[in-house]
Amino acid sequence: MWQGHPMTLLSRQQWVLPRWIPLAVLLVSILSPHVTSAQEYEYSQFERAKNAYERGEYEAAVSRFESLLKSDLKNPALALECRKLAAVSYLFIGDRNAAEKHFTELLILAPTYELDPMLFPIEVVDFFVEVKQKAKARLEALQQARMRKIEEQKAEAAAKRAAELEKLRRNIYVERTTQQRSLLVAFMPFGAGQFQNGHTVKGALFLSGELLLAAATVSTYFLHEGLRDRAKRPVATPAELEKFERLETTYRIVNQASLVALGALTITGIIDALINYQAKTVTWRSVDEKEVPESLRPGKTKGPDLSLAPSLGEHMLGFEITGRF
């Protein structure tokens, strides 16, 4: 059982946490060129809490340690020190439940952690041992879970390496396709040359544009021709004559403009097809091994091959059997 006042124990044992333990961690990080402002803040707050602890102001130390732990410490070693000193401070103010909670969390982070009996009162060490014994089953389960995770990670890494080696061993097959193209197609209208060159979007634009202009040319031609038949009949009024002349002019201009535009677009398409024309194109594609015939795969040989041929010697006549296995 806990005997005496915490301050009495502290003075009787004359124990003080050596400054070099947290300072060593602090100095290593300060000397490191990669220390961030967040880490510097954590160490400064830790020093404030430790100073309160060493002065025997345990309630202030508890408050500062708790605040520091809630900030999600990035340094694992600093987190362990905070848990340990917070637990001891709780013991000195008589809160055994809170002390047990912090010791348990410390052990969860480091299941093999031990308190140095030369630095702490024997009552603190005994309490820590009791907490460790009480949480033994839980700690063993956590340790087993950690080991299983490590084994799973090793198995995953081994499987990944095996898969990569299998890929390296696997034969890679590619298929070469040669396509011959006709120069005559490049002179065809309606995007034929673009489609042959593999420019599908351009071919569709030329096709639709030329079809629309061709339709406009043909329709306005027949409309204009229809006016010729109408011109053979007498005109009733000047207004009707004016309307007739206006329609004739409109149909004629639209017909001529659409015909010129059709010719220009067709010539543009032909020029574009000739610029991008290639007499022969070669494409490559990856082929799965299952699609490759057995006879073309590396290491595969044909079956036995036997042949029979007549053999003529100096004093004999017969047949000679040759084979390949």
C-alpha atoms as a PDB file:
ATOM      1  CA  MET A   1       0.000   0.000   0.000  1.00  0.00           C
ATOM      2  CA  TRP A   2       0.974   3.625  -0.550  1.00  0.00           C
ATOM      3  CA  GLN A   3       2.451   5.038   2.654  1.00  0.00           C
ATOM      4  CA  GLY A   4       3.000   8.687   3.639  1.00  0.00           C
ATOM      5  CA  HIS A   5       2.566  11.983   1.886  1.00  0.00           C
ATOM      6  CA  PRO A   6       3.975  12.239  -1.674  1.00  0.00           C
ATOM      7  CA  MET A   7       6.241  15.117  -0.700  1.00  0.00           C
ATOM      8  CA  THR A   8       7.584  13.062   2.245  1.00  0.00           C
ATOM      9  CA  LEU A   9       8.428  10.215  -0.092  1.00  0.00           C
ATOM     10  CA  LEU A  10      10.087  12.584  -2.494  1.00  0.00           C
ATOM     11  CA  SER A  11      12.287  14.121   0.178  1.00  0.00           C
ATOM     12  CA  ARG A  12      13.021  10.793   1.833  1.00  0.00           C
ATOM     13  CA  GLN A  13      14.109   9.044  -1.351  1.00  0.00           C
ATOM     14  CA  GLN A  14      15.908  12.168  -2.612  1.00  0.00           C
ATOM     15  CA  TRP A  15      15.068  11.194  -6.142  1.00  0.00           C
ATOM     16  CA  VAL A  16      14.911  13.628  -8.964  1.00  0.00           C
ATOM     17  CA  LEU A  17      14.534  12.757 -12.630  1.00  0.00           C
ATOM     18  CA  PRO A  18      17.966  13.413 -14.111  1.00  0.00           C
ATOM     19  CA  ARG A  19      17.871  16.346 -16.449  1.00  0.00           C
ATOM     20  CA  TRP A  20      19.957  14.547 -19.045  1.00  0.00           C
ATOM     21  CA  ILE A  21      17.147  12.107 -19.974  1.00  0.00           C
ATOM     22  CA  PRO A  22      14.756  14.614 -21.579  1.00  0.00           C
ATOM     23  CA  LEU A  23      17.584  17.009 -22.381  1.00  0.00           C
ATOM     24  CA  ALA A  24      19.386  14.343 -24.407  1.00  0.00           C
ATOM     25  CA  VAL A  25      16.314  13.931 -26.583  1.00  0.00           C
ATOM     26  CA  LEU A  26      15.960  17.697 -26.769  1.00  0.00           C
ATOM     27  CA  LEU A  27      19.591  18.276 -27.749  1.00  0.00           C
ATOM     28  CA  VAL A  28      19.541  15.622 -30.475  1.00  0.00           C
ATOM     29  CA  SER A  29      16.513  17.232 -32.072  1.00  0.00           C
ATOM     30  CA  ILE A  30      17.913  20.750 -31.690  1.00  0.00           C
ATOM     31  CA  LEU A  31      21.140  19.730 -33.403  1.00  0.00           C
ATOM     32  CA  SER A  32      19.190  18.092 -36.224  1.00  0.00           C
ATOM     33  CA  PRO A  33      18.814  20.370 -39.266  1.00  0.00           C
ATOM     34  CA  HIS A  34      15.273  19.113 -39.841  1.00  0.00           C
ATOM     35  CA  VAL A  35      13.663  20.240 -36.582  1.00  0.00           C
ATOM     36  CA  THR A  36      10.395  22.003 -37.295  1.00  0.00           C
ATOM     37  CA  SER A  37       8.762  24.796 -35.382  1.00  0.00           C
ATOM     38  CA  ALA A  38       6.062  22.349 -34.228  1.00  0.00           C
ATOM     39  CA  GLN A  39       8.676  20.072 -32.657  1.00  0.00           C
ATOM     40  CA  GLU A  40      10.361  23.013 -30.970  1.00  0.00           C
ATOM     41  CA  TYR A  41       7.004  24.013 -29.497  1.00  0.00           C
ATOM     42  CA  GLU A  42       6.457  20.473 -28.181  1.00  0.00           C
ATOM     43  CA  TYR A  43       9.840  20.448 -26.442  1.00  0.00           C
ATOM     44  CA  SER A  44       9.297  23.867 -24.902  1.00  0.00           C
ATOM     45  CA  GLN A  45       5.931  22.746 -23.512  1.00  0.00           C
ATOM     46  CA  PHE A  46       7.495  19.540 -22.238  1.00  0.00           C
ATOM     47  CA  GLU A  47      10.165  21.549 -20.402  1.00  0.00           C
ATOM     48  CA  ARG A  48       7.471  23.677 -18.741  1.00  0.00           C
ATOM     49  CA  ALA A  49       5.604  20.584 -17.542  1.00  0.00           C
ATOM     50  CA  LYS A  50       8.817  18.893 -16.361  1.00  0.00           C
ATOM     51  CA  ASN A  51       9.863  22.012 -14.432  1.00  0.00           C
ATOM     52  CA  ALA A  52       6.564  21.978 -12.534  1.00  0.00           C
ATOM     53  CA  TYR A  53       7.070  18.268 -11.847  1.00  0.00           C
ATOM     54  CA  GLU A  54      10.587  18.743 -10.482  1.00  0.00           C
ATOM     55  CA  ARG A  55       9.452  21.598  -8.221  1.00  0.00           C
ATOM     56  CA  GLY A  56       6.836  19.311  -6.677  1.00  0.00           C
ATOM     57  CA  GLU A  57       3.922  21.238  -8.209  1.00  0.00           C
ATOM     58  CA  TYR A  58       2.216  18.030  -9.325  1.00  0.00           C
ATOM     59  CA  GLU A  59      -1.220  19.461 -10.044  1.00  0.00           C
ATOM     60  CA  ALA A  60       0.296  22.037 -12.401  1.00  0.00           C
ATOM     61  CA  ALA A  61       2.481  19.323 -13.920  1.00  0.00           C
ATOM     62  CA  VAL A  62      -0.572  17.098 -14.501  1.00  0.00           C
ATOM     63  CA  SER A  63      -2.419  19.938 -16.208  1.00  0.00           C
ATOM     64  CA  ARG A  64       0.530  20.726 -18.483  1.00  0.00           C
ATOM     65  CA  PHE A  65       1.233  17.090 -19.337  1.00  0.00           C
ATOM     66  CA  GLU A  66      -2.434  16.486 -20.164  1.00  0.00           C
ATOM     67  CA  SER A  67      -2.536  19.538 -22.403  1.00  0.00           C
ATOM     68  CA  LEU A  68       0.603  18.401 -24.156  1.00  0.00           C
ATOM     69  CA  LEU A  69      -0.728  14.854 -24.702  1.00  0.00           C
ATOM     70  CA  LYS A  70      -3.964  16.181 -26.187  1.00  0.00           C
ATOM     71  CA  SER A  71      -1.943  18.017 -28.850  1.00  0.00           C
ATOM     72  CA  ASP A  72      -1.074  14.694 -30.570  1.00  0.00           C
ATOM     73  CA  LEU A  73       2.697  14.561 -30.055  1.00  0.00           C
ATOM     74  CA  LYS A  74       4.725  13.707 -33.138  1.00  0.00           C
ATOM     75  CA  ASN A  75       7.828  12.478 -31.282  1.00  0.00           C
ATOM     76  CA  PRO A  76       7.296   8.917 -29.898  1.00  0.00           C
ATOM     77  CA  ALA A  77      10.052   9.242 -27.270  1.00  0.00           C
ATOM     78  CA  LEU A  78       8.558  12.496 -25.992  1.00  0.00           C
ATOM     79  CA  ALA A  79       5.108  10.892 -25.827  1.00  0.00           C
ATOM     80  CA  LEU A  80       6.482   8.095 -23.619  1.00  0.00           C
ATOM     81  CA  GLU A  81       8.151  10.586 -21.266  1.00  0.00           C
ATOM     82  CA  CYS A  82       4.940  12.596 -20.968  1.00  0.00           C
ATOM     83  CA  ARG A  83       2.877   9.478 -20.198  1.00  0.00           C
ATOM     84  CA  LYS A  84       5.364   8.332 -17.564  1.00  0.00           C
ATOM     85  CA  LEU A  85       5.723  11.647 -15.758  1.00  0.00           C
ATOM     86  CA  ALA A  86       1.983  12.319 -15.953  1.00  0.00           C
ATOM     87  CA  ALA A  87       1.292   8.934 -14.324  1.00  0.00           C
ATOM     88  CA  VAL A  88       3.814   9.559 -11.539  1.00  0.00           C
ATOM     89  CA  SER A  89       2.378  13.053 -10.950  1.00  0.00           C
ATOM     90  CA  TYR A  90      -1.111  11.576 -10.619  1.00  0.00           C
ATOM     91  CA  LEU A  91       0.220   9.118  -8.029  1.00  0.00           C
ATOM     92  CA  PHE A  92       1.677  11.960  -5.982  1.00  0.00           C
ATOM     93  CA  ILE A  93      -1.692  13.757  -5.873  1.00  0.00           C
ATOM     94  CA  GLY A  94      -3.506  10.513  -4.990  1.00  0.00           C
ATOM     95  CA  ASP A  95      -5.306   9.794  -8.285  1.00  0.00           C
ATOM     96  CA  ARG A  96      -4.444   6.146  -8.813  1.00  0.00           C
ATOM     97  CA  ASN A  97      -7.039   5.609 -11.561  1.00  0.00           C
ATOM     98  CA  ALA A  98      -5.573   8.355 -13.731  1.00  0.00           C
ATOM     99  CA  ALA A  99      -2.070   7.064 -13.010  1.00  0.00           C
ATOM    100  CA  GLU A 100      -3.100   3.542 -14.044  1.00  0.00           C
ATOM    101  CA  LYS A 101      -4.659   4.915 -17.245  1.00  0.00           C
ATOM    102  CA  HIS A 102      -1.448   6.696 -18.279  1.00  0.00           C
ATOM    103  CA  PHE A 103       0.793   3.763 -17.363  1.00  0.00           C
ATOM    104  CA  THR A 104      -1.468   1.452 -19.402  1.00  0.00           C
ATOM    105  CA  GLU A 105      -1.324   3.748 -22.424  1.00  0.00           C
ATOM    106  CA  LEU A 106       2.458   3.906 -22.046  1.00  0.00           C
ATOM    107  CA  LEU A 107       2.622   0.104 -22.073  1.00  0.00           C
ATOM    108  CA  ILE A 108       0.394  -0.044 -25.129  1.00  0.00           C
ATOM    109  CA  LEU A 109       2.923   2.118 -26.950  1.00  0.00           C
ATOM    110  CA  ALA A 110       5.905   0.188 -25.543  1.00  0.00           C
ATOM    111  CA  PRO A 111       4.883  -3.232 -24.082  1.00  0.00           C
ATOM    112  CA  THR A 112       8.423  -4.007 -22.814  1.00  0.00           C
ATOM    113  CA  TYR A 113       8.896  -0.655 -21.048  1.00  0.00           C
ATOM    114  CA  GLU A 114      10.447  -0.788 -17.539  1.00  0.00           C
ATOM    115  CA  LEU A 115      10.827   1.846 -14.823  1.00  0.00           C
ATOM    116  CA  ASP A 116      14.305   2.374 -13.406  1.00  0.00           C
ATOM    117  CA  PRO A 117      14.093   1.725  -9.624  1.00  0.00           C
ATOM    118  CA  MET A 118      17.119   3.996  -9.141  1.00  0.00           C
ATOM    119  CA  LEU A 119      15.155   7.002 -10.416  1.00  0.00           C
ATOM    120  CA  PHE A 120      11.732   6.453  -8.839  1.00  0.00           C
ATOM    121  CA  PRO A 121      10.439   5.521  -5.348  1.00  0.00           C
ATOM    122  CA  ILE A 122       9.851   1.831  -4.859  1.00  0.00           C
ATOM    123  CA  GLU A 123       6.116   2.511  -4.407  1.00  0.00           C
ATOM    124  CA  VAL A 124       5.965   3.999  -7.909  1.00  0.00           C
ATOM    125  CA  VAL A 125       7.854   1.041  -9.369  1.00  0.00           C
ATOM    126  CA  ASP A 126       5.589  -1.454  -7.543  1.00  0.00           C
ATOM    127  CA  PHE A 127       2.473   0.321  -8.807  1.00  0.00           C
ATOM    128  CA  PHE A 128       3.836   0.241 -12.357  1.00  0.00           C
ATOM    129  CA  VAL A 129       4.527  -3.504 -12.033  1.00  0.00           C
ATOM    130  CA  GLU A 130       0.942  -4.060 -10.799  1.00  0.00           C
ATOM    131  CA  VAL A 131      -0.467  -2.151 -13.772  1.00  0.00           C
ATOM    132  CA  LYS A 132       1.750  -4.121 -16.128  1.00  0.00           C
ATOM    133  CA  GLN A 133       0.642  -7.421 -14.596  1.00  0.00           C
ATOM    134  CA  LYS A 134      -3.016  -6.406 -14.759  1.00  0.00           C
ATOM    135  CA  ALA A 135      -2.700  -5.468 -18.433  1.00  0.00           C
ATOM    136  CA  LYS A 136      -0.571  -8.513 -19.281  1.00  0.00           C
ATOM    137  CA  ALA A 137      -3.228 -10.304 -21.335  1.00  0.00           C
ATOM    138  CA  ARG A 138      -4.106  -7.158 -23.245  1.00  0.00           C
ATOM    139  CA  LEU A 139      -0.448  -6.354 -23.890  1.00  0.00           C
ATOM    140  CA  GLU A 140       0.221  -9.893 -25.115  1.00  0.00           C
ATOM    141  CA  ALA A 141      -2.733  -9.643 -27.495  1.00  0.00           C
ATOM    142  CA  LEU A 142      -1.429  -6.320 -28.801  1.00  0.00           C
ATOM    143  CA  GLN A 143       2.047  -7.769 -29.215  1.00  0.00           C
ATOM    144  CA  GLN A 144       0.635 -10.749 -31.121  1.00  0.00           C
ATOM    145  CA  ALA A 145      -1.394  -8.414 -33.310  1.00  0.00           C
ATOM    146  CA  ARG A 146       1.749  -6.393 -34.039  1.00  0.00           C
ATOM    147  CA  MET A 147       3.652  -9.552 -34.908  1.00  0.00           C
ATOM    148  CA  ARG A 148       0.836 -10.732 -37.186  1.00  0.00           C
ATOM    149  CA  LYS A 149       0.844  -7.376 -38.927  1.00  0.00           C
ATOM    150  CA  ILE A 150       4.607  -7.573 -39.400  1.00  0.00           C
ATOM    151  CA  GLU A 151       4.282 -11.102 -40.805  1.00  0.00           C
ATOM    152  CA  GLU A 152       1.480  -9.985 -43.124  1.00  0.00           C
ATOM    153  CA  GLN A 153       3.601  -7.103 -44.342  1.00  0.00           C
ATOM    154  CA  LYS A 154       6.512  -9.474 -44.943  1.00  0.00           C
ATOM    155  CA  ALA A 155       4.210 -11.879 -46.815  1.00  0.00           C
ATOM    156  CA  GLU A 156       2.818  -9.040 -48.944  1.00  0.00           C
ATOM    157  CA  ALA A 157       6.321  -7.826 -49.729  1.00  0.00           C
ATOM    158  CA  ALA A 158       7.407 -11.367 -50.653  1.00  0.00           C
ATOM    159  CA  ALA A 159       4.327 -11.830 -52.857  1.00  0.00           C
ATOM    160  CA  LYS A 160       5.001  -8.506 -54.538  1.00  0.00           C
ATOM    161  CA  ARG A 161       8.625  -9.474 -55.198  1.00  0.00           C
ATOM    162  CA  ALA A 162       7.508 -12.866 -56.554  1.00  0.00           C
ATOM    163  CA  ALA A 163       4.987 -11.181 -58.862  1.00  0.00           C
ATOM    164  CA  GLU A 164       7.651  -8.790 -60.132  1.00  0.00           C
ATOM    165  CA  LEU A 165      10.043 -11.693 -60.751  1.00  0.00           C
ATOM    166  CA  GLU A 166       7.288 -13.563 -62.574  1.00  0.00           C
ATOM    167  CA  LYS A 167       6.742 -10.546 -64.792  1.00  0.00           C
ATOM    168  CA  LEU A 168      10.458 -10.490 -65.569  1.00  0.00           C
ATOM    169  CA  ARG A 169      10.429 -14.193 -66.450  1.00  0.00           C
ATOM    170  CA  ARG A 170       7.291 -13.936 -68.565  1.00  0.00           C
ATOM    171  CA  ASN A 171       7.745 -13.646 -72.319  1.00  0.00           C
ATOM    172  CA  ILE A 172       6.370 -10.484 -73.897  1.00  0.00           C
ATOM    173  CA  TYR A 173       4.680 -10.850 -77.254  1.00  0.00           C
ATOM    174  CA  VAL A 174       3.855  -8.034 -79.640  1.00  0.00           C
ATOM    175  CA  GLU A 175       2.038  -8.115 -82.959  1.00  0.00           C
ATOM    176  CA  ARG A 176       3.215  -6.010 -85.874  1.00  0.00           C
ATOM    177  CA  THR A 177       0.562  -4.886 -88.356  1.00  0.00           C
ATOM    178  CA  THR A 178       1.454  -3.233 -91.646  1.00  0.00           C
ATOM    179  CA  GLN A 179      -1.263  -1.326 -93.507  1.00  0.00           C
ATOM    180  CA  GLN A 180      -0.893  -0.261 -97.128  1.00  0.00           C
ATOM    181  CA  ARG A 181      -2.732   2.928 -98.139  1.00  0.00           C
ATOM    182  CA  SER A 182      -3.937   4.017-101.535  1.00  0.00           C
ATOM    183  CA  LEU A 183      -2.973   7.405-102.960  1.00  0.00           C
ATOM    184  CA  LEU A 184      -6.165   7.383-105.026  1.00  0.00           C
ATOM    185  CA  VAL A 185      -8.293   7.540-101.873  1.00  0.00           C
ATOM    186  CA  ALA A 186      -6.560  10.809-100.887  1.00  0.00           C
ATOM    187  CA  PHE A 187      -8.112  12.466-103.985  1.00  0.00           C
ATOM    188  CA  MET A 188     -11.631  11.402-103.075  1.00  0.00           C
ATOM    189  CA  PRO A 189     -14.087  13.898-101.522  1.00  0.00           C
ATOM    190  CA  PHE A 190     -16.266  13.614 -98.431  1.00  0.00           C
ATOM    191  CA  GLY A 191     -13.355  13.034 -96.011  1.00  0.00           C
ATOM    192  CA  ALA A 192     -12.264   9.722 -97.525  1.00  0.00           C
ATOM    193  CA  GLY A 193      -8.583  10.694 -97.340  1.00  0.00           C
ATOM    194  CA  GLN A 194      -8.916  11.794 -93.695  1.00  0.00           C
ATOM    195  CA  PHE A 195     -10.601   8.530 -92.703  1.00  0.00           C
ATOM    196  CA  GLN A 196      -7.820   6.573 -94.436  1.00  0.00           C
ATOM    197  CA  ASN A 197      -5.171   8.580 -92.570  1.00  0.00           C
ATOM    198  CA  GLY A 198      -6.869   7.768 -89.265  1.00  0.00           C
ATOM    199  CA  HIS A 199      -8.149  11.329 -88.653  1.00  0.00           C
ATOM    200  CA  THR A 200     -11.724  10.377 -87.809  1.00  0.00           C
ATOM    201  CA  VAL A 201     -12.874  13.737 -86.442  1.00  0.00           C
ATOM    202  CA  LYS A 202     -11.489  15.649 -89.407  1.00  0.00           C
ATOM    203  CA  GLY A 203     -13.020  13.140 -91.808  1.00  0.00           C
ATOM    204  CA  ALA A 204     -16.429  13.522 -90.166  1.00  0.00           C
ATOM    205  CA  LEU A 205     -16.221  17.336 -90.443  1.00  0.00           C
ATOM    206  CA  PHE A 206     -15.320  17.249 -94.140  1.00  0.00           C
ATOM    207  CA  LEU A 207     -18.011  14.639 -94.801  1.00  0.00           C
ATOM    208  CA  SER A 208     -20.814  16.572 -93.112  1.00  0.00           C
ATOM    209  CA  GLY A 209     -19.697  19.938 -94.556  1.00  0.00           C
ATOM    210  CA  GLU A 210     -19.470  18.680 -98.132  1.00  0.00           C
ATOM    211  CA  LEU A 211     -22.807  16.856 -97.880  1.00  0.00           C
ATOM    212  CA  LEU A 212     -24.565  19.996 -96.654  1.00  0.00           C
ATOM    213  CA  LEU A 213     -23.050  22.149 -99.402  1.00  0.00           C
ATOM    214  CA  ALA A 214     -23.839  19.540-102.036  1.00  0.00           C
ATOM    215  CA  ALA A 215     -27.447  19.393-100.827  1.00  0.00           C
ATOM    216  CA  ALA A 216     -27.680  23.209-100.934  1.00  0.00           C
ATOM    217  CA  THR A 217     -26.223  23.287-104.454  1.00  0.00           C
ATOM    218  CA  VAL A 218     -28.589  20.639-105.827  1.00  0.00           C
ATOM    219  CA  SER A 219     -31.720  22.017-104.146  1.00  0.00           C
ATOM    220  CA  THR A 220     -31.110  25.615-105.272  1.00  0.00           C
ATOM    221  CA  TYR A 221     -30.381  24.380-108.802  1.00  0.00           C
ATOM    222  CA  PHE A 222     -33.739  22.651-109.087  1.00  0.00           C
ATOM    223  CA  LEU A 223     -35.515  25.621-107.506  1.00  0.00           C
ATOM    224  CA  HIS A 224     -33.886  27.936-110.053  1.00  0.00           C
ATOM    225  CA  GLU A 225     -34.834  25.598-112.894  1.00  0.00           C
ATOM    226  CA  GLY A 226     -38.409  25.629-111.635  1.00  0.00           C
ATOM    227  CA  LEU A 227     -38.438  29.396-112.126  1.00  0.00           C
ATOM    228  CA  ARG A 228     -37.549  28.910-115.800  1.00  0.00           C
ATOM    229  CA  ASP A 229     -40.810  27.063-116.359  1.00  0.00           C
ATOM    230  CA  ARG A 230     -42.652  29.768-114.445  1.00  0.00           C
ATOM    231  CA  ALA A 231     -41.076  32.469-116.647  1.00  0.00           C
ATOM    232  CA  LYS A 232     -42.832  31.026-119.739  1.00  0.00           C
ATOM    233  CA  ARG A 233     -46.194  32.049-118.335  1.00  0.00           C
ATOM    234  CA  PRO A 234     -47.280  35.718-118.456  1.00  0.00           C
ATOM    235  CA  VAL A 235     -46.877  37.829-115.304  1.00  0.00           C
ATOM    236  CA  ALA A 236     -50.080  39.294-113.966  1.00  0.00           C
ATOM    237  CA  THR A 237     -48.808  42.320-112.028  1.00  0.00           C
ATOM    238  CA  PRO A 238     -45.547  44.303-111.541  1.00  0.00           C
ATOM    239  CA  ALA A 239     -45.415  43.144-107.916  1.00  0.00           C
ATOM    240  CA  GLU A 240     -45.457  39.508-109.013  1.00  0.00           C
ATOM    241  CA  LEU A 241     -42.718  40.252-111.535  1.00  0.00           C
ATOM    242  CA  GLU A 242     -40.591  41.857-108.828  1.00  0.00           C
ATOM    243  CA  LYS A 243     -41.071  38.825-106.555  1.00  0.00           C
ATOM    244  CA  PHE A 244     -40.150  36.499-109.378  1.00  0.00           C
ATOM    245  CA  GLU A 245     -36.943  38.389-110.117  1.00  0.00           C
ATOM    246  CA  ARG A 246     -35.987  38.458-106.423  1.00  0.00           C
ATOM    247  CA  LEU A 247     -36.405  34.683-106.095  1.00  0.00           C
ATOM    248  CA  GLU A 248     -34.407  34.086-109.237  1.00  0.00           C
ATOM    249  CA  THR A 249     -31.548  36.229-107.964  1.00  0.00           C
ATOM    250  CA  THR A 250     -31.568  34.558-104.520  1.00  0.00           C
ATOM    251  CA  TYR A 251     -31.577  30.999-105.892  1.00  0.00           C
ATOM    252  CA  ARG A 252     -28.837  31.827-108.380  1.00  0.00           C
ATOM    253  CA  ILE A 253     -26.544  33.481-105.826  1.00  0.00           C
ATOM    254  CA  VAL A 254     -27.053  30.731-103.222  1.00  0.00           C
ATOM    255  CA  ASN A 255     -26.474  28.059-105.849  1.00  0.00           C
ATOM    256  CA  GLN A 256     -23.264  29.652-107.073  1.00  0.00           C
ATOM    257  CA  ALA A 257     -21.977  30.357-103.535  1.00  0.00           C
ATOM    258  CA  SER A 258     -22.675  26.823-102.318  1.00  0.00           C
ATOM    259  CA  LEU A 259     -21.038  25.383-105.430  1.00  0.00           C
ATOM    260  CA  VAL A 260     -17.901  27.489-104.914  1.00  0.00           C
ATOM    261  CA  ALA A 261     -17.816  26.622-101.207  1.00  0.00           C
ATOM    262  CA  LEU A 262     -18.240  22.927-102.020  1.00  0.00           C
ATOM    263  CA  GLY A 263     -15.340  23.074-104.464  1.00  0.00           C
ATOM    264  CA  ALA A 264     -13.129  24.949-101.992  1.00  0.00           C
ATOM    265  CA  LEU A 265     -13.913  22.567 -99.162  1.00  0.00           C
ATOM    266  CA  THR A 266     -13.321  19.529-101.379  1.00  0.00           C
ATOM    267  CA  ILE A 267      -9.951  20.865-102.559  1.00  0.00           C
ATOM    268  CA  THR A 268      -8.992  21.684 -98.960  1.00  0.00           C
ATOM    269  CA  GLY A 269      -9.836  18.131 -97.908  1.00  0.00           C
ATOM    270  CA  ILE A 270      -7.757  16.685-100.731  1.00  0.00           C
ATOM    271  CA  ILE A 271      -4.782  18.867 -99.872  1.00  0.00           C
ATOM    272  CA  ASP A 272      -5.026  17.925 -96.190  1.00  0.00           C
ATOM    273  CA  ALA A 273      -5.240  14.222 -97.066  1.00  0.00           C
ATOM    274  CA  LEU A 274      -2.170  14.483 -99.313  1.00  0.00           C
ATOM    275  CA  ILE A 275      -0.149  16.351 -96.670  1.00  0.00           C
ATOM    276  CA  ASN A 276      -0.831  13.662 -94.075  1.00  0.00           C
ATOM    277  CA  TYR A 277      -0.675  10.753 -96.510  1.00  0.00           C
ATOM    278  CA  GLN A 278       1.591   7.812 -95.681  1.00  0.00           C
ATOM    279  CA  ALA A 279       1.874   4.946 -98.125  1.00  0.00           C
ATOM    280  CA  LYS A 280       2.448   2.433 -95.331  1.00  0.00           C
ATOM    281  CA  THR A 281       1.838   2.477 -91.602  1.00  0.00           C
ATOM    282  CA  VAL A 282       3.104   0.040 -88.984  1.00  0.00           C
ATOM    283  CA  THR A 283       1.300  -0.492 -85.679  1.00  0.00           C
ATOM    284  CA  TRP A 284       2.246  -2.620 -82.708  1.00  0.00           C
ATOM    285  CA  ARG A 285       0.048  -4.139 -80.032  1.00  0.00           C
ATOM    286  CA  SER A 286       0.666  -6.313 -77.015  1.00  0.00           C
ATOM    287  CA  VAL A 287      -0.556  -9.902 -77.362  1.00  0.00           C
ATOM    288  CA  ASP A 288      -1.425 -12.260 -74.530  1.00  0.00           C
ATOM    289  CA  GLU A 289       0.593 -15.480 -74.500  1.00  0.00           C
ATOM    290  CA  LYS A 290      -2.605 -17.512 -74.873  1.00  0.00           C
ATOM    291  CA  GLU A 291      -3.159 -15.964 -78.317  1.00  0.00           C
ATOM    292  CA  VAL A 292       0.304 -16.995 -79.543  1.00  0.00           C
ATOM    293  CA  PRO A 293       0.556 -20.400 -81.277  1.00  0.00           C
ATOM    294  CA  GLU A 294       2.625 -22.997 -79.414  1.00  0.00           C
ATOM    295  CA  SER A 295       5.064 -23.272 -82.305  1.00  0.00           C
ATOM    296  CA  LEU A 296       5.961 -19.572 -82.044  1.00  0.00           C
ATOM    297  CA  ARG A 297       6.674 -19.541 -78.323  1.00  0.00           C
ATOM    298  CA  PRO A 298      10.305 -19.660 -77.138  1.00  0.00           C
ATOM    299  CA  GLY A 299      11.491 -23.092 -76.037  1.00  0.00           C
ATOM    300  CA  LYS A 300       8.715 -24.847 -77.920  1.00  0.00           C
ATOM    301  CA  THR A 301       9.770 -27.467 -80.494  1.00  0.00           C
ATOM    302  CA  LYS A 302       7.780 -29.429 -82.998  1.00  0.00           C
ATOM    303  CA  GLY A 303       6.959 -33.077 -82.490  1.00  0.00           C
ATOM    304  CA  PRO A 304       9.021 -36.007 -83.791  1.00  0.00           C
ATOM    305  CA  ASP A 305       9.666 -35.910 -87.520  1.00  0.00           C
ATOM    306  CA  LEU A 306      10.462 -39.188 -89.344  1.00  0.00           C
ATOM    307  CA  SER A 307      11.408 -39.616 -93.001  1.00  0.00           C
ATOM    308  CA  LEU A 308      12.092 -42.651 -95.178  1.00  0.00           C
ATOM    309  CA  ALA A 309      14.503 -42.460 -98.097  1.00  0.00           C
ATOM    310  CA  PRO A 310      16.123 -45.079-100.365  1.00  0.00           C
ATOM    311  CA  SER A 311      19.787 -45.855 -99.644  1.00  0.00           C
ATOM    312  CA  LEU A 312      22.171 -47.182-102.265  1.00  0.00           C
ATOM    313  CA  GLY A 313      25.510 -48.627-101.196  1.00  0.00           C
ATOM    314  CA  GLU A 314      28.349 -50.292-103.072  1.00  0.00           C
ATOM    315  CA  HIS A 315      26.952 -53.801-102.654  1.00  0.00           C
ATOM    316  CA  MET A 316      23.526 -53.168-101.186  1.00  0.00           C
ATOM    317  CA  LEU A 317      20.215 -51.504-101.791  1.00  0.00           C
ATOM    318  CA  GLY A 318      17.855 -50.495 -99.006  1.00  0.00           C
ATOM    319  CA  PHE A 319      16.049 -47.721 -97.182  1.00  0.00           C
ATOM    320  CA  GLU A 320      17.305 -45.216 -94.667  1.00  0.00           C
ATOM    321  CA  ILE A 321      15.117 -43.871 -91.861  1.00  0.00           C
ATOM    322  CA  THR A 322      15.963 -40.433 -90.510  1.00  0.00           C
ATOM    323  CA  GLY A 323      14.186 -38.638 -87.709  1.00  0.00           C
ATOM    324  CA  ARG A 324      14.169 -35.549 -85.510  1.00  0.00           C
ATOM    325  CA  PHE A 325      12.994 -35.765 -81.924  1.00  0.00           C
END
